Amino acid sequence: MAEPFRVTIDIRTDDLDINGHVRGPAYLAYADHARWECVWAAGVDPLALKAGNLGPVNLETTIRFRRELRARARIDVLTRFDWEPGKVSRVVQDFLTPDGVVVAEVESLSGLLDLEHRRLIPDPGRHWRKYAVRPEILGLARSS
């Protein structure tokens, strides 16, 4: 299994709720940002995906809040793709403090949409591998 991809994020004051906690939608934005940074780092050009009539879609997301996260904190978001048979993959993300404490976990079920036929395509990992320069960042082995 590949090492998770790591992105560091500084918590902004405008991401807080009235209680001084990070709002749920901010966690989703952090997770989305980290996923896209991972995809970019793998060398996937989203415009090339679109030109191939493919688009990533998020089908389900679960957030698990483990510890309080406040303004001006710095966290690392570790992103890992788990490839399953069929039409979906799972993206698992751990939000960690600098000393390694898990403050949240985000798990997403994703797929690749055929933009012409508006259906999920089978074996999305095969398509991601085709577009990635460094597929191992996405947890995919290089093609032989």
Protein backbone atom coordinates (compact mmCIF):
# COMPACT_ATOMS: atom_id res chain seq x y z
CA MET A 1 0.00 0.00 0.00
CA ALA A 2 1.31 3.45 -0.95
CA GLU A 3 2.04 6.09 1.66
CA PRO A 4 -0.87 8.54 2.03
CA PHE A 5 -0.51 11.86 0.25
CA ARG A 6 -0.04 14.74 2.72
CA VAL A 7 -1.30 18.34 2.51
CA THR A 8 -0.86 20.90 5.30
CA ILE A 9 -3.75 23.29 5.98
CA ASP A 10 -3.94 26.29 8.29
CA ILE A 11 -7.33 26.72 9.96
CA ARG A 12 -8.84 30.11 9.15
CA THR A 13 -11.04 32.19 11.42
CA ASP A 14 -13.81 32.35 8.81
CA ASP A 15 -14.06 28.54 8.96
CA LEU A 16 -15.38 28.71 12.53
CA ASP A 17 -18.89 28.48 13.92
CA ILE A 18 -20.29 30.55 16.80
CA ASN A 19 -18.67 28.17 19.33
CA GLY A 20 -15.21 28.64 17.87
CA HIS A 21 -15.18 25.17 16.28
CA VAL A 22 -14.42 24.43 12.65
CA ARG A 23 -17.71 24.18 10.72
CA GLY A 24 -18.62 20.86 9.08
CA PRO A 25 -18.61 22.33 5.54
CA ALA A 26 -15.03 23.55 6.13
CA TYR A 27 -13.92 19.96 6.80
CA LEU A 28 -15.48 18.99 3.47
CA ALA A 29 -13.66 21.83 1.72
CA TYR A 30 -10.34 20.76 3.30
CA ALA A 31 -10.96 17.17 2.20
CA ASP A 32 -11.86 18.25 -1.34
CA HIS A 33 -8.78 20.48 -1.56
CA ALA A 34 -6.52 17.64 -0.36
CA ARG A 35 -8.06 15.17 -2.85
CA TRP A 36 -7.46 17.54 -5.76
CA GLU A 37 -3.90 18.25 -4.63
CA CYS A 38 -3.33 14.48 -4.59
CA VAL A 39 -4.76 14.14 -8.11
CA TRP A 40 -2.58 17.02 -9.36
CA ALA A 41 0.51 15.51 -7.68
CA ALA A 42 -0.21 12.26 -9.52
CA GLY A 43 0.04 14.24 -12.75
CA VAL A 44 -3.63 14.04 -13.70
CA ASP A 45 -4.84 17.05 -15.68
CA PRO A 46 -8.56 17.54 -14.92
CA LEU A 47 -9.01 19.16 -18.34
CA ALA A 48 -7.63 16.01 -20.00
CA LEU A 49 -10.17 13.95 -18.02
CA LYS A 50 -12.95 16.23 -19.21
CA ALA A 51 -11.67 16.05 -22.81
CA GLY A 52 -11.93 12.25 -22.43
CA ASN A 53 -15.59 12.71 -21.41
CA LEU A 54 -14.84 11.69 -17.83
CA GLY A 55 -15.53 13.50 -14.59
CA PRO A 56 -14.97 12.47 -10.98
CA VAL A 57 -18.10 12.35 -8.84
CA ASN A 58 -18.57 12.08 -5.11
CA LEU A 59 -21.37 9.67 -4.23
CA GLU A 60 -21.22 9.67 -0.43
CA THR A 61 -19.19 11.34 2.29
CA THR A 62 -18.92 10.57 6.00
CA ILE A 63 -17.17 12.85 8.50
CA ARG A 64 -16.11 11.54 11.90
CA PHE A 65 -15.16 14.25 14.38
CA ARG A 66 -12.62 12.95 16.90
CA ARG A 67 -11.14 16.02 18.63
CA GLU A 68 -11.78 19.74 18.81
CA LEU A 69 -10.13 21.83 16.11
CA ARG A 70 -9.88 25.59 16.59
CA ALA A 71 -8.72 28.70 14.76
CA ARG A 72 -5.08 29.09 13.76
CA ALA A 73 -4.38 25.39 14.21
CA ARG A 74 -2.34 23.64 11.55
CA ILE A 75 -3.32 20.18 10.37
CA ASP A 76 -2.10 17.63 7.89
CA VAL A 77 -4.67 15.91 5.72
CA LEU A 78 -3.51 12.44 4.68
CA THR A 79 -5.31 11.12 1.60
CA ARG A 80 -5.41 7.52 0.44
CA PHE A 81 -7.40 5.94 -2.40
CA ASP A 82 -8.75 2.41 -1.91
CA TRP A 83 -9.70 0.76 -5.19
CA GLU A 84 -12.61 -1.66 -5.11
CA PRO A 85 -14.00 -3.91 -7.83
CA GLY A 86 -16.86 -2.40 -9.76
CA LYS A 87 -17.62 1.25 -10.43
CA VAL A 88 -16.53 2.95 -7.21
CA SER A 89 -13.46 3.73 -5.17
CA ARG A 90 -13.08 4.87 -1.60
CA VAL A 91 -11.06 7.89 -0.52
CA VAL A 92 -9.98 7.83 3.13
CA GLN A 93 -8.62 11.00 4.71
CA ASP A 94 -7.19 11.50 8.19
CA PHE A 95 -6.88 15.00 9.64
CA LEU A 96 -3.90 15.09 12.01
CA THR A 97 -2.37 17.65 14.35
CA PRO A 98 1.41 18.17 14.07
CA ASP A 99 1.91 15.71 16.96
CA GLY A 100 -0.10 13.02 15.14
CA VAL A 101 -3.46 13.24 16.94
CA VAL A 102 -6.41 12.40 14.67
CA VAL A 103 -8.95 15.23 14.87
CA ALA A 104 -11.25 14.03 12.09
CA GLU A 105 -11.69 11.36 9.45
CA VAL A 106 -13.42 11.84 6.11
CA GLU A 107 -14.36 8.87 3.97
CA SER A 108 -15.83 9.32 0.49
CA LEU A 109 -17.26 6.94 -2.05
CA SER A 110 -16.36 8.15 -5.53
CA GLY A 111 -16.67 7.17 -9.15
CA LEU A 112 -15.88 8.38 -12.65
CA LEU A 113 -18.82 9.60 -14.68
CA ASP A 114 -19.05 9.12 -18.43
CA LEU A 115 -20.06 12.70 -19.23
CA GLU A 116 -21.78 11.76 -22.49
CA HIS A 117 -23.91 8.85 -21.24
CA ARG A 118 -24.22 10.15 -17.64
CA ARG A 119 -23.34 6.78 -16.13
CA LEU A 120 -20.57 5.59 -13.86
CA ILE A 121 -17.86 3.72 -15.73
CA PRO A 122 -16.59 0.31 -14.59
CA ASP A 123 -13.05 -0.04 -13.21
CA PRO A 124 -12.34 3.66 -12.58
CA GLY A 125 -8.79 2.88 -11.44
CA ARG A 126 -7.90 1.76 -14.95
CA HIS A 127 -8.92 5.19 -16.29
CA TRP A 128 -7.16 7.15 -13.53
CA ARG A 129 -4.01 5.13 -14.25
CA LYS A 130 -4.25 6.11 -17.93
CA TYR A 131 -4.30 9.82 -17.07
CA ALA A 132 -1.79 9.76 -14.18
CA VAL A 133 1.93 10.33 -14.65
CA ARG A 134 2.52 8.98 -11.12
CA PRO A 135 -0.37 6.55 -10.49
CA GLU A 136 1.28 5.23 -7.32
CA ILE A 137 0.26 8.49 -5.59
CA LEU A 138 -3.33 7.39 -6.21
CA GLY A 139 -2.57 3.94 -4.83
CA LEU A 140 -2.44 2.42 -8.31
CA ALA A 141 0.37 0.25 -9.65
CA ARG A 142 2.04 1.38 -12.84
CA SER A 143 0.91 -0.43 -15.98
CA SER A 144 3.34 -3.00 -17.31
